[in-house]
Amino acid sequence: MQVLSKLPQQDDPRLLVGADHFDDAGVALLPDGSALVQSVDFFPPVVDDPWWFGRIAAANALSDLYAMGATPFSALNLVVFNTKALPMEVLGSILEGGSHALTEAGVMLLGGHSVEDEGVKYGMAVTGLVPAGQQVTNAGARPGDVLYLTKRLGTGCLTTAARKGKVSDQDLEAACQQMGALNKAAAEAMRAAEVRACTDVTGFGLLGHSHELAAASGVRVALVGRDLPLLSGARELMTRGFASGGAARTLSHLKDVLQLHPDVDDVTTRLAADSETSGGLLMAVPEARVAQLEQELEQRELLVARVGRVEAGEGVALLP
């Protein structure tokens, strides 16, 4: 907020969704009455395998569009690479993984930009389309809504442990499969059930993104710790201290608005706060459409995880 306050306020009737509520993407009205949805994301490798890194980074970038109810249309690669330290074959594998995700999403790759620098970073600038007025934002939740999450938590501690060789191949493979999975089907289910508020769960963890949804909607989000879906190995690794670092940052940021029930254990709290990569969609759906959303998710063989409720009030609560 301190940095964004330096930017001029935009007063343009074509701007449908800006940066005011930290939504997943910006939305602008086009002359034909449709709306353009844009986002960008890139980061250092979360796994050693370059193909999986590319696939995961692309899925993560596209997730911002899916969370807004948009259909992805085009993408641009963003690359930071050190050609003096790594062979070009590594970069080729990264780009191949990213392209694999775009092909599955039906998205055109229009080009990109690369920078020679220390280390490696990869991601995409992505553009999608949505009928104007039908975009889903994080500001539409209302008291009485039920919260659903479409992917399991734990990618932060699993990838942190993997860098230290402390995770099983099976658990890491499952994490890669989940991170690389598009939120395309989840977005289809969301639109079919007329979900009215959504965000994807990424760097600020479930608690951080729940807070953004709560603040934007003017409500209180109450999450239930025992109902949080976890990847295999995540609880054990978090118990052993393999948090990504995002957990501490999120908990510090939320210290004035987070209401922790005394019966919630520290491991559950850190799992709910830890950073996720290419996480699931967190949806707020009216009670009357819960059955429809669950049916839509089941038909697409997606996780059906009811993780909490929206209540009157403010802030975020984590209950046992």
C-alpha atoms as a PDB file:
ATOM      1  CA  MET A   1       0.000   0.000   0.000  1.00  0.00           C
ATOM      2  CA  GLN A   2       2.822   2.404   0.811  1.00  0.00           C
ATOM      3  CA  VAL A   3       4.292   1.974  -2.675  1.00  0.00           C
ATOM      4  CA  LEU A   4       0.950   1.953  -4.521  1.00  0.00           C
ATOM      5  CA  SER A   5      -0.032   5.209  -2.820  1.00  0.00           C
ATOM      6  CA  LYS A   6       2.580   6.939  -4.991  1.00  0.00           C
ATOM      7  CA  LEU A   7       0.603   6.088  -8.130  1.00  0.00           C
ATOM      8  CA  PRO A   8      -2.035   8.490  -9.440  1.00  0.00           C
ATOM      9  CA  GLN A   9      -5.685   7.571  -8.920  1.00  0.00           C
ATOM     10  CA  GLN A  10      -7.281   6.301 -12.110  1.00  0.00           C
ATOM     11  CA  ASP A  11     -10.648   7.802 -12.966  1.00  0.00           C
ATOM     12  CA  ASP A  12     -11.484   6.036 -16.227  1.00  0.00           C
ATOM     13  CA  PRO A  13     -14.960   4.608 -16.862  1.00  0.00           C
ATOM     14  CA  ARG A  14     -13.362   1.743 -18.805  1.00  0.00           C
ATOM     15  CA  LEU A  15     -11.594   0.483 -15.668  1.00  0.00           C
ATOM     16  CA  LEU A  16     -13.848  -2.213 -14.200  1.00  0.00           C
ATOM     17  CA  VAL A  17     -11.415  -3.773 -11.691  1.00  0.00           C
ATOM     18  CA  GLY A  18      -8.210  -2.068 -10.603  1.00  0.00           C
ATOM     19  CA  ALA A  19      -5.731  -2.523  -7.769  1.00  0.00           C
ATOM     20  CA  ASP A  20      -7.980  -1.159  -5.007  1.00  0.00           C
ATOM     21  CA  HIS A  21      -8.887  -4.528  -3.453  1.00  0.00           C
ATOM     22  CA  PHE A  22      -5.815  -6.558  -4.469  1.00  0.00           C
ATOM     23  CA  ASP A  23      -7.832  -8.639  -6.898  1.00  0.00           C
ATOM     24  CA  ASP A  24      -6.135 -11.352  -8.938  1.00  0.00           C
ATOM     25  CA  ALA A  25      -6.204  -9.415 -12.221  1.00  0.00           C
ATOM     26  CA  GLY A  26      -7.195  -6.084 -13.701  1.00  0.00           C
ATOM     27  CA  VAL A  27     -10.304  -5.791 -15.860  1.00  0.00           C
ATOM     28  CA  ALA A  28     -10.936  -3.159 -18.537  1.00  0.00           C
ATOM     29  CA  LEU A  29     -13.964  -2.560 -20.752  1.00  0.00           C
ATOM     30  CA  LEU A  30     -13.373  -2.994 -24.486  1.00  0.00           C
ATOM     31  CA  PRO A  31     -15.193  -1.022 -27.200  1.00  0.00           C
ATOM     32  CA  ASP A  32     -17.312  -4.047 -28.199  1.00  0.00           C
ATOM     33  CA  GLY A  33     -18.711  -4.398 -24.676  1.00  0.00           C
ATOM     34  CA  SER A  34     -16.554  -7.341 -23.637  1.00  0.00           C
ATOM     35  CA  ALA A  35     -13.853  -7.021 -21.003  1.00  0.00           C
ATOM     36  CA  LEU A  36     -10.093  -7.553 -21.077  1.00  0.00           C
ATOM     37  CA  VAL A  37      -8.537  -9.317 -18.072  1.00  0.00           C
ATOM     38  CA  GLN A  38      -4.780  -9.046 -17.530  1.00  0.00           C
ATOM     39  CA  SER A  39      -2.237 -10.275 -15.000  1.00  0.00           C
ATOM     40  CA  VAL A  40       1.468 -11.074 -14.712  1.00  0.00           C
ATOM     41  CA  ASP A  41       3.483 -13.364 -12.455  1.00  0.00           C
ATOM     42  CA  PHE A  42       6.985 -14.810 -12.406  1.00  0.00           C
ATOM     43  CA  PHE A  43       9.311 -16.230  -9.775  1.00  0.00           C
ATOM     44  CA  PRO A  44      12.456 -18.320  -9.143  1.00  0.00           C
ATOM     45  CA  PRO A  45      12.315 -22.122  -9.481  1.00  0.00           C
ATOM     46  CA  VAL A  46      10.199 -23.896  -6.879  1.00  0.00           C
ATOM     47  CA  VAL A  47      11.411 -27.335  -8.017  1.00  0.00           C
ATOM     48  CA  ASP A  48      14.662 -28.573  -9.559  1.00  0.00           C
ATOM     49  CA  ASP A  49      13.093 -30.114 -12.668  1.00  0.00           C
ATOM     50  CA  PRO A  50      13.087 -27.323 -15.307  1.00  0.00           C
ATOM     51  CA  TRP A  51      10.115 -28.733 -17.274  1.00  0.00           C
ATOM     52  CA  TRP A  52       7.972 -28.899 -14.156  1.00  0.00           C
ATOM     53  CA  PHE A  53       9.098 -25.410 -13.160  1.00  0.00           C
ATOM     54  CA  GLY A  54       7.916 -24.059 -16.521  1.00  0.00           C
ATOM     55  CA  ARG A  55       4.611 -25.888 -16.357  1.00  0.00           C
ATOM     56  CA  ILE A  56       3.952 -24.740 -12.776  1.00  0.00           C
ATOM     57  CA  ALA A  57       4.868 -21.098 -13.489  1.00  0.00           C
ATOM     58  CA  ALA A  58       2.492 -20.996 -16.466  1.00  0.00           C
ATOM     59  CA  ALA A  59      -0.354 -22.614 -14.523  1.00  0.00           C
ATOM     60  CA  ASN A  60       0.235 -20.141 -11.708  1.00  0.00           C
ATOM     61  CA  ALA A  61       0.012 -17.132 -14.031  1.00  0.00           C
ATOM     62  CA  LEU A  62      -3.118 -18.418 -15.777  1.00  0.00           C
ATOM     63  CA  SER A  63      -4.748 -19.019 -12.399  1.00  0.00           C
ATOM     64  CA  ASP A  64      -5.238 -15.272 -11.929  1.00  0.00           C
ATOM     65  CA  LEU A  65      -7.472 -15.209 -15.007  1.00  0.00           C
ATOM     66  CA  TYR A  66      -9.423 -18.296 -13.977  1.00  0.00           C
ATOM     67  CA  ALA A  67     -10.049 -16.772 -10.550  1.00  0.00           C
ATOM     68  CA  MET A  68     -11.734 -13.806 -12.261  1.00  0.00           C
ATOM     69  CA  GLY A  69     -13.992 -16.071 -14.311  1.00  0.00           C
ATOM     70  CA  ALA A  70     -12.129 -15.185 -17.513  1.00  0.00           C
ATOM     71  CA  THR A  71     -11.165 -17.352 -20.468  1.00  0.00           C
ATOM     72  CA  PRO A  72      -7.398 -17.067 -21.101  1.00  0.00           C
ATOM     73  CA  PHE A  73      -6.585 -15.854 -24.610  1.00  0.00           C
ATOM     74  CA  SER A  74      -2.884 -15.028 -24.999  1.00  0.00           C
ATOM     75  CA  ALA A  75       0.414 -14.983 -23.096  1.00  0.00           C
ATOM     76  CA  LEU A  76       3.919 -13.521 -23.180  1.00  0.00           C
ATOM     77  CA  ASN A  77       6.932 -15.271 -21.671  1.00  0.00           C
ATOM     78  CA  LEU A  78       9.023 -13.465 -19.045  1.00  0.00           C
ATOM     79  CA  VAL A  79      12.516 -14.906 -18.598  1.00  0.00           C
ATOM     80  CA  VAL A  80      15.511 -14.092 -16.427  1.00  0.00           C
ATOM     81  CA  PHE A  81      18.361 -16.527 -17.166  1.00  0.00           C
ATOM     82  CA  ASN A  82      22.090 -16.856 -16.558  1.00  0.00           C
ATOM     83  CA  THR A  83      23.608 -18.277 -19.754  1.00  0.00           C
ATOM     84  CA  LYS A  84      27.086 -18.260 -18.193  1.00  0.00           C
ATOM     85  CA  ALA A  85      26.069 -20.632 -15.391  1.00  0.00           C
ATOM     86  CA  LEU A  86      23.463 -22.866 -17.029  1.00  0.00           C
ATOM     87  CA  PRO A  87      23.158 -24.605 -20.389  1.00  0.00           C
ATOM     88  CA  MET A  88      20.527 -23.362 -22.815  1.00  0.00           C
ATOM     89  CA  GLU A  89      18.894 -26.784 -22.683  1.00  0.00           C
ATOM     90  CA  VAL A  90      17.635 -25.882 -19.198  1.00  0.00           C
ATOM     91  CA  LEU A  91      15.911 -22.781 -20.543  1.00  0.00           C
ATOM     92  CA  GLY A  92      14.496 -24.831 -23.396  1.00  0.00           C
ATOM     93  CA  SER A  93      12.945 -27.273 -20.927  1.00  0.00           C
ATOM     94  CA  ILE A  94      11.460 -24.425 -18.869  1.00  0.00           C
ATOM     95  CA  LEU A  95       9.854 -22.886 -21.948  1.00  0.00           C
ATOM     96  CA  GLU A  96       8.630 -26.294 -23.096  1.00  0.00           C
ATOM     97  CA  GLY A  97       6.894 -26.852 -19.761  1.00  0.00           C
ATOM     98  CA  GLY A  98       5.240 -23.456 -19.966  1.00  0.00           C
ATOM     99  CA  SER A  99       4.125 -24.078 -23.532  1.00  0.00           C
ATOM    100  CA  HIS A 100       2.641 -27.413 -22.484  1.00  0.00           C
ATOM    101  CA  ALA A 101       0.330 -25.612 -20.036  1.00  0.00           C
ATOM    102  CA  LEU A 102      -0.641 -22.989 -22.615  1.00  0.00           C
ATOM    103  CA  THR A 103      -1.550 -25.653 -25.149  1.00  0.00           C
ATOM    104  CA  GLU A 104      -3.816 -27.375 -22.649  1.00  0.00           C
ATOM    105  CA  ALA A 105      -5.430 -24.032 -21.831  1.00  0.00           C
ATOM    106  CA  GLY A 106      -5.957 -23.178 -25.512  1.00  0.00           C
ATOM    107  CA  VAL A 107      -3.835 -20.044 -25.152  1.00  0.00           C
ATOM    108  CA  MET A 108      -1.704 -18.399 -27.853  1.00  0.00           C
ATOM    109  CA  LEU A 109       1.904 -17.568 -27.026  1.00  0.00           C
ATOM    110  CA  LEU A 110       2.602 -14.223 -28.710  1.00  0.00           C
ATOM    111  CA  GLY A 111       6.261 -13.847 -27.737  1.00  0.00           C
ATOM    112  CA  GLY A 112       8.041 -12.620 -24.659  1.00  0.00           C
ATOM    113  CA  HIS A 113      11.078 -10.912 -23.186  1.00  0.00           C
ATOM    114  CA  SER A 114      14.300 -12.231 -21.676  1.00  0.00           C
ATOM    115  CA  VAL A 115      16.980 -10.675 -19.486  1.00  0.00           C
ATOM    116  CA  GLU A 116      20.493 -11.975 -18.889  1.00  0.00           C
ATOM    117  CA  ASP A 117      21.086 -11.830 -15.135  1.00  0.00           C
ATOM    118  CA  GLU A 118      22.093 -13.819 -12.087  1.00  0.00           C
ATOM    119  CA  GLY A 119      19.782 -16.671 -11.182  1.00  0.00           C
ATOM    120  CA  VAL A 120      16.663 -17.860 -12.963  1.00  0.00           C
ATOM    121  CA  LYS A 121      13.110 -16.530 -12.985  1.00  0.00           C
ATOM    122  CA  TYR A 122      10.232 -17.437 -15.262  1.00  0.00           C
ATOM    123  CA  GLY A 123       6.585 -16.593 -15.657  1.00  0.00           C
ATOM    124  CA  MET A 124       4.087 -14.974 -17.964  1.00  0.00           C
ATOM    125  CA  ALA A 125       2.021 -11.909 -18.687  1.00  0.00           C
ATOM    126  CA  VAL A 126      -1.415 -13.288 -19.505  1.00  0.00           C
ATOM    127  CA  THR A 127      -4.549 -11.871 -21.095  1.00  0.00           C
ATOM    128  CA  GLY A 128      -8.082 -13.218 -20.986  1.00  0.00           C
ATOM    129  CA  LEU A 129     -11.625 -12.226 -21.908  1.00  0.00           C
ATOM    130  CA  VAL A 130     -14.869 -12.155 -19.945  1.00  0.00           C
ATOM    131  CA  PRO A 131     -18.283 -10.670 -20.703  1.00  0.00           C
ATOM    132  CA  ALA A 132     -18.344  -7.245 -19.065  1.00  0.00           C
ATOM    133  CA  GLY A 133     -20.128  -7.411 -15.740  1.00  0.00           C
ATOM    134  CA  GLN A 134     -19.616 -11.159 -15.407  1.00  0.00           C
ATOM    135  CA  GLN A 135     -16.113 -10.971 -13.918  1.00  0.00           C
ATOM    136  CA  VAL A 136     -15.803 -12.623 -10.504  1.00  0.00           C
ATOM    137  CA  THR A 137     -13.935 -10.556  -7.921  1.00  0.00           C
ATOM    138  CA  ASN A 138     -12.870 -10.972  -4.319  1.00  0.00           C
ATOM    139  CA  ALA A 139     -15.435  -8.348  -3.255  1.00  0.00           C
ATOM    140  CA  GLY A 140     -18.638 -10.347  -3.761  1.00  0.00           C
ATOM    141  CA  ALA A 141     -18.735 -12.517  -0.626  1.00  0.00           C
ATOM    142  CA  ARG A 142     -21.742 -12.099   1.670  1.00  0.00           C
ATOM    143  CA  PRO A 143     -22.560 -13.380   5.183  1.00  0.00           C
ATOM    144  CA  GLY A 144     -23.940 -16.909   4.951  1.00  0.00           C
ATOM    145  CA  ASP A 145     -21.798 -17.894   1.976  1.00  0.00           C
ATOM    146  CA  VAL A 146     -19.914 -21.182   2.179  1.00  0.00           C
ATOM    147  CA  LEU A 147     -16.196 -21.368   1.315  1.00  0.00           C
ATOM    148  CA  TYR A 148     -14.724 -24.062  -0.936  1.00  0.00           C
ATOM    149  CA  LEU A 149     -11.082 -24.696  -1.845  1.00  0.00           C
ATOM    150  CA  THR A 150     -10.214 -26.685  -4.977  1.00  0.00           C
ATOM    151  CA  LYS A 151      -6.609 -27.742  -4.254  1.00  0.00           C
ATOM    152  CA  ARG A 152      -4.787 -29.075  -1.202  1.00  0.00           C
ATOM    153  CA  LEU A 153      -2.438 -27.000   0.936  1.00  0.00           C
ATOM    154  CA  GLY A 154       1.216 -27.738   1.620  1.00  0.00           C
ATOM    155  CA  THR A 155       3.191 -26.859  -1.528  1.00  0.00           C
ATOM    156  CA  GLY A 156       5.254 -24.335   0.429  1.00  0.00           C
ATOM    157  CA  CYS A 157       6.632 -26.746   2.998  1.00  0.00           C
ATOM    158  CA  LEU A 158       6.967 -29.602   0.474  1.00  0.00           C
ATOM    159  CA  THR A 159       9.072 -27.579  -1.967  1.00  0.00           C
ATOM    160  CA  THR A 160      11.111 -26.117   0.902  1.00  0.00           C
ATOM    161  CA  ALA A 161      11.845 -29.626   2.192  1.00  0.00           C
ATOM    162  CA  ALA A 162      12.638 -30.814  -1.349  1.00  0.00           C
ATOM    163  CA  ARG A 163      15.430 -28.243  -1.670  1.00  0.00           C
ATOM    164  CA  LYS A 164      17.011 -29.875   1.389  1.00  0.00           C
ATOM    165  CA  GLY A 165      16.410 -33.430   0.167  1.00  0.00           C
ATOM    166  CA  LYS A 166      13.918 -34.133   2.962  1.00  0.00           C
ATOM    167  CA  VAL A 167      10.789 -35.085   1.001  1.00  0.00           C
ATOM    168  CA  SER A 168       9.874 -38.402  -0.623  1.00  0.00           C
ATOM    169  CA  ASP A 169       9.820 -38.648  -4.431  1.00  0.00           C
ATOM    170  CA  GLN A 170       6.178 -39.715  -4.269  1.00  0.00           C
ATOM    171  CA  ASP A 171       5.058 -36.715  -2.221  1.00  0.00           C
ATOM    172  CA  LEU A 172       7.049 -34.290  -4.366  1.00  0.00           C
ATOM    173  CA  GLU A 173       5.589 -35.770  -7.552  1.00  0.00           C
ATOM    174  CA  ALA A 174       2.069 -35.332  -6.162  1.00  0.00           C
ATOM    175  CA  ALA A 175       2.855 -31.714  -5.302  1.00  0.00           C
ATOM    176  CA  CYS A 176       4.207 -31.071  -8.813  1.00  0.00           C
ATOM    177  CA  GLN A 177       1.128 -32.633 -10.381  1.00  0.00           C
ATOM    178  CA  GLN A 178      -1.115 -30.382  -8.319  1.00  0.00           C
ATOM    179  CA  MET A 179       0.901 -27.190  -8.894  1.00  0.00           C
ATOM    180  CA  GLY A 180       1.028 -27.899 -12.614  1.00  0.00           C
ATOM    181  CA  ALA A 181      -2.718 -28.519 -12.864  1.00  0.00           C
ATOM    182  CA  LEU A 182      -4.715 -25.715 -14.459  1.00  0.00           C
ATOM    183  CA  ASN A 183      -7.608 -24.131 -12.592  1.00  0.00           C
ATOM    184  CA  LYS A 184      -9.562 -24.247 -15.850  1.00  0.00           C
ATOM    185  CA  ALA A 185     -12.051 -26.894 -14.731  1.00  0.00           C
ATOM    186  CA  ALA A 186     -12.466 -25.197 -11.347  1.00  0.00           C
ATOM    187  CA  ALA A 187     -13.323 -21.942 -13.113  1.00  0.00           C
ATOM    188  CA  GLU A 188     -15.879 -23.768 -15.260  1.00  0.00           C
ATOM    189  CA  ALA A 189     -17.499 -25.185 -12.124  1.00  0.00           C
ATOM    190  CA  MET A 190     -17.448 -21.740 -10.529  1.00  0.00           C
ATOM    191  CA  ARG A 191     -19.222 -20.118 -13.452  1.00  0.00           C
ATOM    192  CA  ALA A 192     -21.787 -22.915 -13.703  1.00  0.00           C
ATOM    193  CA  ALA A 193     -22.692 -22.551 -10.014  1.00  0.00           C
ATOM    194  CA  GLU A 194     -22.738 -18.730 -10.216  1.00  0.00           C
ATOM    195  CA  VAL A 195     -20.138 -18.297  -7.504  1.00  0.00           C
ATOM    196  CA  ARG A 196     -20.066 -14.628  -6.552  1.00  0.00           C
ATOM    197  CA  ALA A 197     -16.608 -14.220  -5.012  1.00  0.00           C
ATOM    198  CA  CYS A 198     -13.299 -15.938  -5.677  1.00  0.00           C
ATOM    199  CA  THR A 199      -9.549 -15.642  -5.327  1.00  0.00           C
ATOM    200  CA  ASP A 200      -6.724 -18.053  -5.965  1.00  0.00           C
ATOM    201  CA  VAL A 201      -4.465 -19.137  -3.120  1.00  0.00           C
ATOM    202  CA  THR A 202      -0.821 -18.358  -3.833  1.00  0.00           C
ATOM    203  CA  GLY A 203       1.986 -16.444  -2.139  1.00  0.00           C
ATOM    204  CA  PHE A 204       0.055 -15.091   0.860  1.00  0.00           C
ATOM    205  CA  GLY A 205      -1.305 -18.516   1.783  1.00  0.00           C
ATOM    206  CA  LEU A 206      -4.898 -19.384   2.572  1.00  0.00           C
ATOM    207  CA  LEU A 207      -5.055 -16.965   5.499  1.00  0.00           C
ATOM    208  CA  GLY A 208      -3.599 -14.051   3.559  1.00  0.00           C
ATOM    209  CA  HIS A 209      -5.869 -14.436   0.551  1.00  0.00           C
ATOM    210  CA  SER A 210      -8.871 -15.052   2.818  1.00  0.00           C
ATOM    211  CA  HIS A 211      -8.101 -11.725   4.473  1.00  0.00           C
ATOM    212  CA  GLU A 212      -8.033  -9.975   1.095  1.00  0.00           C
ATOM    213  CA  LEU A 213     -11.433 -11.473   0.280  1.00  0.00           C
ATOM    214  CA  ALA A 214     -12.798 -10.489   3.687  1.00  0.00           C
ATOM    215  CA  ALA A 215     -11.503  -6.918   3.441  1.00  0.00           C
ATOM    216  CA  ALA A 216     -12.721  -6.415  -0.126  1.00  0.00           C
ATOM    217  CA  SER A 217     -16.177  -7.810   0.698  1.00  0.00           C
ATOM    218  CA  GLY A 218     -16.563  -6.168   4.103  1.00  0.00           C
ATOM    219  CA  VAL A 219     -17.104  -9.484   5.890  1.00  0.00           C
ATOM    220  CA  ARG A 220     -15.446 -11.938   8.274  1.00  0.00           C
ATOM    221  CA  VAL A 221     -13.998 -15.175   6.925  1.00  0.00           C
ATOM    222  CA  ALA A 222     -14.100 -18.120   9.336  1.00  0.00           C
ATOM    223  CA  LEU A 223     -11.920 -21.075   8.303  1.00  0.00           C
ATOM    224  CA  VAL A 224     -12.143 -24.497   9.978  1.00  0.00           C
ATOM    225  CA  GLY A 225      -8.719 -26.014  10.626  1.00  0.00           C
ATOM    226  CA  ARG A 226      -9.821 -29.664  10.693  1.00  0.00           C
ATOM    227  CA  ASP A 227     -11.425 -29.263   7.252  1.00  0.00           C
ATOM    228  CA  LEU A 228      -8.364 -27.886   5.460  1.00  0.00           C
ATOM    229  CA  PRO A 229      -7.236 -30.371   2.770  1.00  0.00           C
ATOM    230  CA  LEU A 230      -3.509 -31.176   2.893  1.00  0.00           C
ATOM    231  CA  LEU A 231      -1.048 -32.765   0.500  1.00  0.00           C
ATOM    232  CA  SER A 232       0.565 -35.999   1.618  1.00  0.00           C
ATOM    233  CA  GLY A 233       3.531 -35.305   3.874  1.00  0.00           C
ATOM    234  CA  ALA A 234       2.662 -31.655   4.470  1.00  0.00           C
ATOM    235  CA  ARG A 235       1.706 -31.908   8.146  1.00  0.00           C
ATOM    236  CA  GLU A 236       4.756 -34.014   9.020  1.00  0.00           C
ATOM    237  CA  LEU A 237       7.124 -31.649   7.212  1.00  0.00           C
ATOM    238  CA  MET A 238       5.580 -28.550   8.773  1.00  0.00           C
ATOM    239  CA  THR A 239       5.897 -30.228  12.182  1.00  0.00           C
ATOM    240  CA  ARG A 240       9.598 -30.612  11.424  1.00  0.00           C
ATOM    241  CA  GLY A 241       9.888 -26.897  10.629  1.00  0.00           C
ATOM    242  CA  PHE A 242       9.947 -26.829   6.831  1.00  0.00           C
ATOM    243  CA  ALA A 243       7.865 -23.677   6.363  1.00  0.00           C
ATOM    244  CA  SER A 244       8.671 -21.668   3.248  1.00  0.00           C
ATOM    245  CA  GLY A 245       9.083 -18.388   5.082  1.00  0.00           C
ATOM    246  CA  GLY A 246       5.756 -17.154   3.812  1.00  0.00           C
ATOM    247  CA  ALA A 247       4.023 -18.402   6.955  1.00  0.00           C
ATOM    248  CA  ALA A 248       5.926 -16.028   9.243  1.00  0.00           C
ATOM    249  CA  ARG A 249       5.393 -13.063   6.901  1.00  0.00           C
ATOM    250  CA  THR A 250       1.666 -13.702   6.574  1.00  0.00           C
ATOM    251  CA  LEU A 251       1.136 -14.186  10.303  1.00  0.00           C
ATOM    252  CA  SER A 252       3.043 -10.986  11.021  1.00  0.00           C
ATOM    253  CA  HIS A 253       1.005  -9.083   8.443  1.00  0.00           C
ATOM    254  CA  LEU A 254      -2.289 -10.368   9.862  1.00  0.00           C
ATOM    255  CA  LYS A 255      -1.442  -9.990  13.549  1.00  0.00           C
ATOM    256  CA  ASP A 256      -4.104  -7.321  14.099  1.00  0.00           C
ATOM    257  CA  VAL A 257      -6.919  -9.002  12.145  1.00  0.00           C
ATOM    258  CA  LEU A 258      -6.389 -12.741  12.644  1.00  0.00           C
ATOM    259  CA  GLN A 259      -8.523 -14.401  15.308  1.00  0.00           C
ATOM    260  CA  LEU A 260      -6.940 -17.714  16.306  1.00  0.00           C
ATOM    261  CA  HIS A 261      -9.024 -20.110  18.376  1.00  0.00           C
ATOM    262  CA  PRO A 262      -6.956 -21.417  21.324  1.00  0.00           C
ATOM    263  CA  ASP A 263      -7.627 -25.025  20.273  1.00  0.00           C
ATOM    264  CA  VAL A 264      -6.013 -24.584  16.849  1.00  0.00           C
ATOM    265  CA  ASP A 265      -2.513 -26.064  16.910  1.00  0.00           C
ATOM    266  CA  ASP A 266       0.527 -24.222  15.629  1.00  0.00           C
ATOM    267  CA  VAL A 267       1.138 -26.625  12.725  1.00  0.00           C
ATOM    268  CA  THR A 268      -2.350 -26.065  11.331  1.00  0.00           C
ATOM    269  CA  THR A 269      -1.899 -22.312  11.691  1.00  0.00           C
ATOM    270  CA  ARG A 270       1.391 -22.338   9.799  1.00  0.00           C
ATOM    271  CA  LEU A 271      -0.033 -24.575   7.053  1.00  0.00           C
ATOM    272  CA  ALA A 272      -2.918 -22.146   6.615  1.00  0.00           C
ATOM    273  CA  ALA A 273      -0.486 -19.201   6.485  1.00  0.00           C
ATOM    274  CA  ASP A 274       2.318 -20.665   4.386  1.00  0.00           C
ATOM    275  CA  SER A 275       2.880 -19.641   0.785  1.00  0.00           C
ATOM    276  CA  GLU A 276       1.299 -21.779  -1.914  1.00  0.00           C
ATOM    277  CA  THR A 277       2.397 -22.039  -5.527  1.00  0.00           C
ATOM    278  CA  SER A 278      -0.325 -22.374  -8.163  1.00  0.00           C
ATOM    279  CA  GLY A 279      -2.878 -23.136  -5.466  1.00  0.00           C
ATOM    280  CA  GLY A 280      -6.584 -23.739  -5.815  1.00  0.00           C
ATOM    281  CA  LEU A 281      -9.511 -21.379  -6.125  1.00  0.00           C
ATOM    282  CA  LEU A 282     -11.123 -20.205  -2.894  1.00  0.00           C
ATOM    283  CA  MET A 283     -14.800 -19.678  -3.706  1.00  0.00           C
ATOM    284  CA  ALA A 284     -17.628 -18.086  -1.723  1.00  0.00           C
ATOM    285  CA  VAL A 285     -20.986 -19.546  -2.756  1.00  0.00           C
ATOM    286  CA  PRO A 286     -24.465 -18.921  -1.332  1.00  0.00           C
ATOM    287  CA  GLU A 287     -25.864 -21.828   0.692  1.00  0.00           C
ATOM    288  CA  ALA A 288     -28.617 -22.277  -1.893  1.00  0.00           C
ATOM    289  CA  ARG A 289     -26.048 -23.137  -4.578  1.00  0.00           C
ATOM    290  CA  VAL A 290     -23.754 -25.359  -2.486  1.00  0.00           C
ATOM    291  CA  ALA A 291     -25.198 -28.591  -3.892  1.00  0.00           C
ATOM    292  CA  GLN A 292     -24.795 -27.342  -7.446  1.00  0.00           C
ATOM    293  CA  LEU A 293     -21.174 -26.307  -6.888  1.00  0.00           C
ATOM    294  CA  GLU A 294     -20.325 -29.655  -5.301  1.00  0.00           C
ATOM    295  CA  GLN A 295     -21.952 -31.453  -8.232  1.00  0.00           C
ATOM    296  CA  GLU A 296     -20.041 -29.342 -10.746  1.00  0.00           C
ATOM    297  CA  LEU A 297     -16.744 -30.044  -8.946  1.00  0.00           C
ATOM    298  CA  GLU A 298     -17.443 -33.777  -8.683  1.00  0.00           C
ATOM    299  CA  GLN A 299     -18.341 -34.024 -12.372  1.00  0.00           C
ATOM    300  CA  ARG A 300     -14.927 -32.576 -13.202  1.00  0.00           C
ATOM    301  CA  GLU A 301     -13.172 -34.877 -10.714  1.00  0.00           C
ATOM    302  CA  LEU A 302     -11.992 -31.931  -8.651  1.00  0.00           C
ATOM    303  CA  LEU A 303     -11.428 -31.717  -4.923  1.00  0.00           C
ATOM    304  CA  VAL A 304     -14.598 -30.873  -2.980  1.00  0.00           C
ATOM    305  CA  ALA A 305     -13.327 -29.238   0.212  1.00  0.00           C
ATOM    306  CA  ARG A 306     -15.675 -27.114   2.302  1.00  0.00           C
ATOM    307  CA  VAL A 307     -13.276 -25.054   4.410  1.00  0.00           C
ATOM    308  CA  GLY A 308     -15.356 -22.429   6.181  1.00  0.00           C
ATOM    309  CA  ARG A 309     -18.039 -19.765   6.082  1.00  0.00           C
ATOM    310  CA  VAL A 310     -18.494 -16.067   5.488  1.00  0.00           C
ATOM    311  CA  GLU A 311     -19.913 -14.164   8.455  1.00  0.00           C
ATOM    312  CA  ALA A 312     -20.847 -10.635   9.361  1.00  0.00           C
ATOM    313  CA  GLY A 313     -17.922  -8.724  10.828  1.00  0.00           C
ATOM    314  CA  GLU A 314     -14.339  -8.277   9.726  1.00  0.00           C
ATOM    315  CA  GLY A 315     -10.995 -10.063   9.715  1.00  0.00           C
ATOM    316  CA  VAL A 316     -10.152 -13.744   9.470  1.00  0.00           C
ATOM    317  CA  ALA A 317     -10.775 -16.461  12.043  1.00  0.00           C
ATOM    318  CA  LEU A 318      -9.147 -19.889  12.191  1.00  0.00           C
ATOM    319  CA  LEU A 319     -11.304 -22.320  14.154  1.00  0.00           C
ATOM    320  CA  PRO A 320     -10.495 -25.885  15.284  1.00  0.00           C
END
